[in-house]
Protein backbone atom coordinates (compact mmCIF):
# COMPACT_ATOMS: atom_id res chain seq x y z
CA MET A 1 69.63 -7.93 -6.36
CA ARG A 2 72.38 -5.41 -5.01
CA LYS A 3 69.98 -2.72 -4.48
CA ILE A 4 67.93 -4.54 -3.21
CA ILE A 5 70.21 -5.82 -0.52
CA LEU A 6 71.55 -2.20 0.01
CA GLY A 7 67.56 -0.71 0.50
CA PHE A 8 67.11 -3.99 3.49
CA LEU A 9 70.54 -3.02 4.83
CA LYS A 10 69.68 0.97 4.91
CA LYS A 11 66.11 0.40 6.46
CA ALA A 12 67.85 -2.09 9.14
CA VAL A 13 70.33 0.95 10.14
CA PHE A 14 67.70 3.64 9.87
CA PHE A 15 65.10 0.41 12.49
CA LEU A 16 67.84 0.78 14.44
CA PHE A 17 68.72 4.07 14.90
CA VAL A 18 64.89 4.75 15.63
CA LEU A 19 64.63 1.57 18.39
CA SER A 20 68.04 3.04 19.70
CA LEU A 21 67.05 6.59 19.98
CA SER A 22 63.43 5.26 21.56
CA ALA A 23 65.34 3.13 24.08
CA ILE A 24 67.33 6.82 24.81
CA PHE A 25 63.62 8.68 25.39
CA VAL A 26 62.38 5.82 27.11
CA GLU A 27 65.60 5.39 29.69
CA LEU A 28 65.26 8.77 30.57
CA SER A 29 61.73 9.49 31.07
CA LEU A 30 62.23 7.01 33.73
CA ARG A 31 65.53 8.06 35.08
CA LEU A 32 63.05 11.91 35.45
CA TYR A 33 60.32 9.77 36.84
CA ASN A 34 59.19 5.91 36.84
CA PRO A 35 55.36 5.27 38.43
CA PHE A 36 56.34 1.80 38.32
CA LYS A 37 57.47 1.35 41.65
CA PHE A 38 58.94 -2.15 41.48
CA ARG A 39 60.38 -3.68 44.57
CA VAL A 40 63.68 -5.09 42.93
CA LYS A 41 66.03 -3.91 40.75
CA GLY A 42 68.71 -6.04 40.00
CA GLY A 43 68.24 -7.90 42.08
CA GLU A 44 68.57 -5.66 44.91
CA ILE A 45 65.27 -4.72 47.11
CA ILE A 46 63.79 -1.19 47.05
CA LEU A 47 62.15 -0.90 50.16
CA PRO A 48 59.19 1.86 50.10
CA ALA A 49 59.90 3.79 53.24
CA ASN A 50 56.79 6.00 55.04
CA GLU A 51 54.19 5.28 52.79
CA ARG A 52 51.10 5.18 52.78
CA TYR A 53 48.53 3.72 50.38
CA ILE A 54 44.53 3.87 50.26
CA ILE A 55 43.29 1.17 48.29
CA ASN A 56 39.54 1.67 47.18
CA ASN A 57 38.17 -1.83 47.07
CA THR A 58 35.37 -3.24 44.71
CA ALA A 59 36.62 -5.93 43.23
CA ILE A 60 37.16 -8.79 46.63
CA ASP A 61 33.83 -8.38 48.38
CA LYS A 62 35.09 -10.21 51.28
CA LEU A 63 37.70 -7.40 52.02
CA ASP A 64 37.16 -4.20 53.60
CA LYS A 65 36.29 -1.73 51.13
CA GLU A 66 38.77 1.07 52.03
CA ILE A 67 42.15 -0.66 52.18
CA ILE A 68 44.97 1.00 54.39
CA HIS A 69 48.50 -0.01 53.94
CA THR A 70 51.18 2.12 55.86
CA ARG A 71 55.14 1.59 55.90
CA ASN A 72 57.52 3.03 58.25
CA SER A 73 60.69 4.54 58.12
CA LEU A 74 62.32 1.14 57.78
CA GLY A 75 59.99 0.43 55.03
CA PHE A 76 58.31 -2.18 56.95
CA ARG A 77 54.20 -2.19 57.73
CA GLY A 78 54.12 -1.65 61.46
CA PRO A 79 55.20 0.67 64.87
CA GLU A 80 58.61 2.16 64.22
CA PRO A 81 61.94 0.67 66.04
CA PRO A 82 61.77 1.77 69.55
CA GLU A 83 64.87 3.42 70.91
CA ASN A 84 66.35 1.05 73.27
CA PHE A 85 66.12 -2.06 70.69
CA ASP A 86 67.82 -4.47 72.43
CA ASP A 87 66.05 -4.20 75.47
CA PHE A 88 62.56 -5.88 73.16
CA LEU A 89 61.62 -8.88 72.15
CA SER A 90 61.67 -8.31 68.47
CA ILE A 91 60.05 -9.97 65.60
CA ILE A 92 60.33 -9.35 62.13
CA VAL A 93 57.31 -11.54 60.04
CA VAL A 94 59.48 -12.18 56.08
CA GLY A 95 57.36 -13.63 53.45
CA GLY A 96 55.65 -12.79 50.59
CA SER A 97 51.66 -12.06 49.92
CA SER A 98 50.33 -13.96 52.51
CA ALA A 99 52.88 -12.29 55.48
CA GLU A 100 52.55 -9.23 53.64
CA CYS A 101 48.96 -8.41 53.24
CA SER A 102 49.14 -6.50 50.21
CA TYR A 103 44.92 -6.09 50.20
CA ILE A 104 44.48 -5.92 54.27
CA SER A 105 44.36 -2.45 56.30
CA ASP A 106 47.19 -2.29 58.74
CA THR A 107 45.27 -3.14 61.96
CA LYS A 108 43.96 -6.48 60.19
CA THR A 109 46.24 -8.14 58.97
CA TRP A 110 47.60 -11.17 60.70
CA PRO A 111 51.43 -9.84 61.94
CA TYR A 112 49.89 -6.69 63.39
CA LEU A 113 46.85 -9.50 65.34
CA LEU A 114 49.75 -11.48 66.72
CA GLY A 115 51.39 -8.49 68.18
CA GLN A 116 48.27 -7.08 70.14
CA ASN A 117 47.99 -11.44 71.17
CA LEU A 118 51.98 -10.92 72.14
CA GLN A 119 51.39 -8.12 73.91
CA GLN A 120 48.50 -9.73 76.13
CA SER A 121 51.55 -11.90 78.18
CA CYS A 122 54.74 -10.84 76.89
CA ASP A 123 56.39 -7.10 77.95
CA ASN A 124 58.48 -5.06 75.24
CA ILE A 125 57.20 -6.89 72.40
CA TRP A 126 58.45 -5.01 69.06
CA LEU A 127 56.52 -6.24 66.00
CA ASN A 128 57.30 -5.49 62.38
CA ASN A 129 55.59 -7.29 58.98
CA ALA A 130 58.88 -7.32 56.46
CA GLY A 131 56.28 -9.75 53.99
CA LEU A 132 56.50 -8.78 50.41
CA ASP A 133 54.10 -9.71 47.50
CA GLY A 134 55.55 -12.22 45.44
CA HIS A 135 58.85 -12.61 47.09
CA ALA A 136 60.33 -16.60 46.81
CA THR A 137 63.33 -17.09 49.64
CA PHE A 138 65.80 -15.79 47.37
CA GLY A 139 64.31 -12.44 47.72
CA HIS A 140 64.47 -13.55 51.86
CA ILE A 141 68.37 -13.99 50.68
CA ILE A 142 68.75 -10.69 50.12
CA LEU A 143 66.02 -8.98 52.36
CA LEU A 144 68.22 -10.54 55.14
CA ARG A 145 71.13 -10.29 54.13
CA ASN A 146 71.04 -6.51 52.88
CA TYR A 147 67.87 -5.07 56.02
CA LEU A 148 67.70 -7.07 58.59
CA VAL A 149 71.33 -8.57 59.98
CA LYS A 150 71.65 -4.70 60.68
CA LEU A 151 68.87 -3.68 61.96
CA ARG A 152 69.36 -7.88 63.78
CA PRO A 153 66.04 -8.34 65.77
CA LYS A 154 66.06 -10.89 67.98
CA ILE A 155 63.59 -13.52 65.65
CA ILE A 156 62.49 -13.60 62.40
CA LEU A 157 59.38 -15.29 61.70
CA PHE A 158 59.53 -17.25 57.40
CA LEU A 159 56.01 -17.66 56.30
CA VAL A 160 57.58 -19.62 52.94
CA GLY A 161 56.57 -22.27 50.29
CA ALA A 162 54.11 -20.47 48.20
CA ASN A 163 56.21 -18.77 46.38
CA ASP A 164 58.98 -21.14 45.84
CA ARG A 165 56.80 -23.63 43.62
CA ALA A 166 58.76 -23.94 39.93
CA LYS A 167 60.40 -21.37 41.27
CA ALA A 168 64.39 -21.39 40.01
CA ASP A 169 64.94 -18.20 37.61
CA LEU A 170 66.57 -15.52 40.39
CA SER A 171 68.85 -18.19 41.57
CA ILE A 172 71.63 -15.76 40.50
CA TYR A 173 70.78 -13.47 43.06
CA ASP A 174 70.95 -15.68 45.83
CA LYS A 175 75.18 -15.27 45.52
CA MET A 176 74.54 -10.86 45.49
CA PRO A 177 75.20 -9.45 48.97
CA LEU A 178 76.86 -6.26 47.45
CA ALA A 179 74.86 -3.53 45.23
CA ASN A 180 77.60 -3.91 43.11
CA SER A 181 78.43 -7.22 41.41
CA TYR A 182 77.92 -7.73 38.48
CA ASN A 183 77.11 -11.41 37.67
CA SER A 184 76.69 -11.08 33.80
CA LEU A 185 76.00 -8.30 31.79
CA SER A 186 71.99 -8.61 31.55
CA ASP A 187 72.79 -8.67 35.30
CA TYR A 188 74.48 -5.03 35.08
CA LEU A 189 72.06 -3.80 32.82
CA GLU A 190 69.25 -4.38 35.23
CA LYS A 191 71.17 -2.39 38.24
CA LYS A 192 71.94 0.35 35.39
CA SER A 193 68.99 0.73 33.49
CA GLU A 194 66.15 1.67 34.20
CA LEU A 195 64.39 -0.12 31.34
CA VAL A 196 65.88 -2.99 31.27
CA SER A 197 64.88 -3.15 35.16
CA LEU A 198 61.31 -2.26 34.25
CA LEU A 199 60.63 -4.97 31.53
CA SER A 200 62.47 -7.61 33.79
CA ASN A 201 59.71 -7.16 36.43
CA PHE A 202 57.35 -7.32 33.72
CA LYS A 203 58.45 -11.25 33.14
CA ARG A 204 58.87 -11.64 36.47
CA ARG A 205 55.63 -10.61 36.63
CA LEU A 206 53.95 -12.54 33.99
CA ASN A 207 56.02 -15.40 35.16
CA ALA A 208 53.47 -15.10 38.55
CA VAL A 209 50.27 -14.60 36.52
CA ARG A 210 51.36 -18.14 34.33
CA SER A 211 52.28 -19.70 38.28
CA GLY A 212 49.02 -18.87 39.88
CA ILE A 213 50.74 -16.63 42.53
CA VAL A 214 48.17 -13.44 41.91
CA HIS A 215 45.69 -12.20 44.00
CA GLU A 216 41.71 -12.34 42.65
CA HIS A 217 38.48 -13.33 44.13
CA LEU A 218 37.81 -16.82 43.85
CA ASP A 219 33.81 -16.86 43.76
CA LEU A 220 33.11 -20.53 44.27
CA SER A 221 29.29 -19.78 43.76
CA LYS A 222 30.77 -19.94 39.70
CA ALA A 223 32.94 -22.45 40.66
CA GLU A 224 34.34 -25.14 38.04
CA SER A 225 34.90 -28.33 38.65
CA LEU A 226 38.33 -30.22 37.05
CA GLU A 227 39.12 -33.83 37.30
CA ILE A 228 42.83 -34.62 37.31
CA PRO A 229 44.03 -38.35 37.50
CA GLN A 230 45.81 -39.61 39.95
CA GLU A 231 48.96 -40.57 38.19
CA LYS A 232 49.16 -36.64 36.73
CA ILE A 233 49.12 -35.20 39.46
CA LYS A 234 51.76 -37.57 40.91
CA GLN A 235 53.95 -37.02 37.73
CA GLU A 236 53.70 -33.64 38.70
CA VAL A 237 55.13 -33.37 41.82
CA LEU A 238 57.63 -35.76 41.11
CA ARG A 239 58.71 -32.88 38.59
CA HIS A 240 58.75 -30.29 41.14
CA LYS A 241 60.49 -32.61 43.85
CA LEU A 242 63.26 -33.59 40.86
CA GLU A 243 63.85 -30.02 39.49
CA TYR A 244 63.35 -27.44 42.35
CA VAL A 245 62.44 -29.14 45.80
CA GLU A 246 66.41 -29.49 46.00
CA GLY A 247 67.38 -25.84 45.54
CA TYR A 248 64.39 -24.60 47.82
CA ARG A 249 66.35 -26.55 50.56
CA GLN A 250 69.15 -25.67 49.47
CA ARG A 251 67.77 -21.73 50.65
CA LEU A 252 66.20 -23.02 54.20
CA GLU A 253 69.76 -23.51 55.06
CA GLU A 254 71.07 -20.09 53.86
CA LEU A 255 68.38 -18.50 55.42
CA ILE A 256 68.69 -20.39 59.26
CA SER A 257 73.42 -19.90 58.53
CA ILE A 258 72.84 -16.38 58.14
CA CYS A 259 70.83 -15.96 60.78
CA ARG A 260 72.75 -17.89 63.25
CA GLN A 261 75.85 -16.24 62.60
CA ASN A 262 73.87 -13.10 63.46
CA ASP A 263 72.20 -13.75 66.29
CA ILE A 264 68.81 -14.39 65.45
CA GLU A 265 66.37 -16.86 66.29
CA PRO A 266 64.74 -18.41 62.36
CA ILE A 267 61.36 -19.52 63.21
CA PHE A 268 59.39 -20.94 60.13
CA ILE A 269 55.86 -21.34 59.22
CA THR A 270 54.11 -23.89 56.83
CA GLN A 271 52.37 -22.15 54.05
CA PRO A 272 48.66 -23.00 53.91
CA SER A 273 46.03 -23.40 51.40
CA LEU A 274 42.11 -23.32 50.69
CA ALA A 275 42.79 -25.24 48.07
CA GLY A 276 43.32 -29.86 48.85
CA LYS A 277 41.17 -32.71 49.91
CA ALA A 278 37.99 -31.18 51.77
CA VAL A 279 35.30 -29.68 51.37
CA ASP A 280 33.67 -25.61 51.89
CA PRO A 281 32.37 -25.89 55.57
CA VAL A 282 30.41 -22.24 53.73
CA SER A 283 29.73 -22.95 50.19
CA GLY A 284 30.03 -27.07 50.25
CA VAL A 285 32.02 -26.63 47.31
CA ASN A 286 34.84 -29.57 46.44
CA LEU A 287 37.60 -27.97 46.85
CA ALA A 288 39.65 -31.15 45.44
CA THR A 289 38.59 -30.30 42.63
CA LEU A 290 37.76 -27.02 42.52
CA LYS A 291 39.44 -25.69 38.58
CA MET A 292 41.67 -23.37 40.33
CA TRP A 293 43.93 -21.75 37.04
CA GLY A 294 44.62 -23.74 34.05
CA ASN A 295 44.31 -27.31 34.14
CA ARG A 296 44.93 -27.41 37.41
CA ASN A 297 42.52 -28.31 39.90
CA GLY A 298 42.73 -27.92 44.38
CA GLU A 299 44.59 -31.22 44.89
CA LEU A 300 46.86 -31.01 42.35
CA LEU A 301 48.08 -27.67 43.93
CA TRP A 302 47.70 -28.89 48.05
CA SER A 303 49.64 -32.36 46.44
CA VAL A 304 52.72 -29.69 45.35
CA LEU A 305 52.41 -27.39 48.35
CA CYS A 306 52.40 -30.24 50.57
CA LEU A 307 55.59 -31.09 49.40
CA TYR A 308 57.29 -27.29 49.73
CA ASN A 309 55.83 -27.99 53.84
CA SER A 310 57.76 -31.01 55.00
CA THR A 311 60.81 -29.85 53.16
CA THR A 312 60.05 -26.62 55.56
CA ILE A 313 59.85 -29.03 58.28
CA ASP A 314 61.80 -31.41 57.76
CA VAL A 315 65.06 -28.74 57.57
CA CYS A 316 64.03 -27.23 60.58
CA GLU A 317 64.02 -30.60 62.37
CA SER A 318 67.23 -31.48 61.17
CA LEU A 319 68.69 -28.33 61.78
CA GLY A 320 66.55 -27.43 65.34
CA VAL A 321 64.87 -25.25 64.16
CA PHE A 322 61.49 -24.12 65.43
CA VAL A 323 58.47 -24.23 62.72
CA ILE A 324 54.99 -23.79 63.33
CA ASP A 325 52.65 -26.11 60.84
CA LEU A 326 50.17 -23.80 59.89
CA ALA A 327 49.16 -25.02 57.50
CA ALA A 328 48.65 -28.60 59.08
CA LYS A 329 46.54 -26.11 61.62
CA LEU A 330 44.30 -23.27 59.47
CA PRO A 331 40.93 -25.05 58.38
CA LYS A 332 40.49 -25.14 54.35
CA SER A 333 37.46 -22.55 54.83
CA SER A 334 36.60 -19.36 52.35
CA LEU A 335 35.63 -17.86 55.35
CA TYR A 336 39.75 -17.27 55.60
CA PHE A 337 40.95 -17.18 52.66
CA TYR A 338 39.32 -14.75 49.30
CA ASP A 339 42.06 -16.70 46.82
CA ARG A 340 44.03 -19.62 47.10
CA LEU A 341 46.36 -18.20 49.27
CA HIS A 342 45.52 -15.22 50.71
CA TYR A 343 42.95 -14.19 54.08
CA THR A 344 40.36 -12.53 55.01
CA ASN A 345 40.31 -10.40 57.93
CA SER A 346 38.69 -13.40 59.31
CA GLY A 347 41.08 -15.50 58.14
CA CYS A 348 43.71 -12.93 59.48
CA ARG A 349 42.59 -12.88 63.16
CA GLU A 350 42.50 -17.51 62.73
CA VAL A 351 46.12 -16.91 61.19
CA ALA A 352 47.40 -14.90 64.27
CA GLN A 353 45.65 -16.87 66.67
CA LEU A 354 47.59 -19.74 65.81
CA VAL A 355 50.84 -18.60 65.07
CA TYR A 356 50.60 -16.90 69.05
CA GLU A 357 49.81 -20.37 70.65
CA GLY A 358 52.75 -22.09 68.74
CA LEU A 359 55.26 -19.02 69.40
CA LYS A 360 54.04 -19.03 73.07
CA GLU A 361 55.04 -22.15 74.40
CA TYR A 362 58.66 -21.38 72.33
CA LEU A 363 58.83 -18.02 74.30
CA ASP A 364 58.52 -19.77 77.30
CA ILE A 365 60.74 -21.31 77.24
CA LYS A 366 63.52 -19.72 75.20
CA TYR A 367 62.68 -15.95 76.06
CA PRO A 368 61.60 -16.63 79.30
CA GLU A 369 62.50 -12.65 80.43
CA PHE A 370 60.26 -11.26 78.46
CA VAL A 371 56.92 -13.41 79.21
CA ARG A 372 55.08 -12.59 81.98
CA LYS A 373 54.32 -14.46 84.44
């Protein structure tokens, strides 16, 4: 028996030794060259400055075949900041993938088109798109603290809601404004280790896939129908309300507080979706019973998202913040969406126009010196 135990211990020690050497080798290799360009490391955002991507699209027929995605010196999409920055009506769009428009070419994204619309009625407009695919209000707070308060634009447009659904696992990062602050051993390892950071980002990606927060081609010609009892939908909405919405509310309030402390005007935009109680005018598909992913349908998805959108509106109204209810204004049509959340080129044009119409009314009152008479 003793020999068996000793033999087992020797094998275990050898296994741990090999595993440690492998981990050290992978860590050193990733430090020399890391092909995985994630945008979060240890709670800090890494912006992809001065980069240009050419995406050859063969999967989603509603998008361009060749997609040009460019990042300026700030790591955002849009023109470089002007030298006389304070003389401009500076606007930055913050949000997740619905703001970034990852698979829309530079000059067809809704933030770019919004900037073009504003130039027709305003002078000295500078607008940049700081949307980051997958980011929720946790990431927006980090981006605001670490980058945007230094730049100090006059206005930040926050398109929020979708990525905060059932989101609670990154709350620790909400209180990490300093790169050298560590809240736990895992936090320290993620900041210092390329391997741990890589594994953490893969875990976040897996969680996003499980939550349905990914890009896909939603082919309505092959749509499946899924009926869900109203009681089950109500239970799911209640679960989100009890477990996640209060945290979301607090993060919205923090975003507003940080902006106001730094003389930045926050404006919020609610999150639209193809899902909901409607019939798609293009395909005739019932979007309420449309199977989205897993055991969810359009009505369930929209009911949950409405909870977050209503929270956004409530917070803004209570704190005197201007809000554009895009979710209520954008028609539910597959002409405008290539999946349940992301816009086509036509969708970007419509979103830009709707946001412009809401924003112009606000600018006429708040920043009349920039509005062309």
